[in-house]
Amino acid sequence: MELELGGERVGLIPPAGAHLPDQRALLVADLHLGKGAAFRAAGRPVPAGTSAETLERLSALLRATPRGTALWILGDLFHSPSGVTPGLEERWRRWRAEHPDTTIHLVHGNHDRTLLGVARHWGCRVVSAPARLGGLELRHIPRERHGSPDDGPGVAGHLHPAVLLREGRRSSLRLPCFWLRGPDLVLPALGAFVDGAKLSPFVGDRIFVPVGDQILEVPPAQLPSSARTG
């Protein structure tokens, strides 16, 4: 599935990547590495291995793009300081060794604010929003829908969008999705241990759902009945 946004071709890649071929860039958001460890440190019994699963998802996305593609993480690489354990750092080092030619840019998010030094130590180039890439502005937190008329289109994360699709009267399925929302494309969270937040679309928004190795657009008639105007 390919969109045109700000004069850029934007390919949507399951489960949560956006590829800009003309910029040789892969955009992802909301990995929340170390979230499971942070929960366990707080005494909450959650399974181990979610950060490893997240990094494998990231590897699969990089394998789906040409060699030399730069990686742009649109915020929340980390979850919290308590989750940045020696084990996580070693896992990151092993993952990084598998992708030595990949340049990593972090447009830092709200969960990254106290961990920017760690991000730099791990080899990320930390930048502030908005970061300009071709015809797009990259952010962690999307802009207000009714922003300045001078605002150009962009790509963001933060919202962890998910859409509720109903089957009959009693069954429904919540799926992470790409949300073309006003001037911004909002990416689904890449993290394996990140809940999707039910979106509240406006009329005219477009929703794209990863299904296996495909991206399918949700017809407007199947969008939540709460779709608003204005």
Foldseek 3Di string as FASTA:
>chain_A
DWDAFLNFIWDAWPPWWTAGQVLLAIEGEAQAQLPCQLCVVVVHDDDPDQSVVLLVLVVVVVVVGDQLREYEYAENPHQAPSRPDPVSLVSLVVSCVVRVNYAYEYQYDPRCPVPVVVCVVSRYHYDHFQDDGNSATGHADDDDLPDDPPDGAYEYEPQQAWFWFDDPDPDIDIFGKFKQARRYTYIHHSGSPDDHDYDQAAPPIWIWGDDPRDIDTDPPVRGDPNHHYD
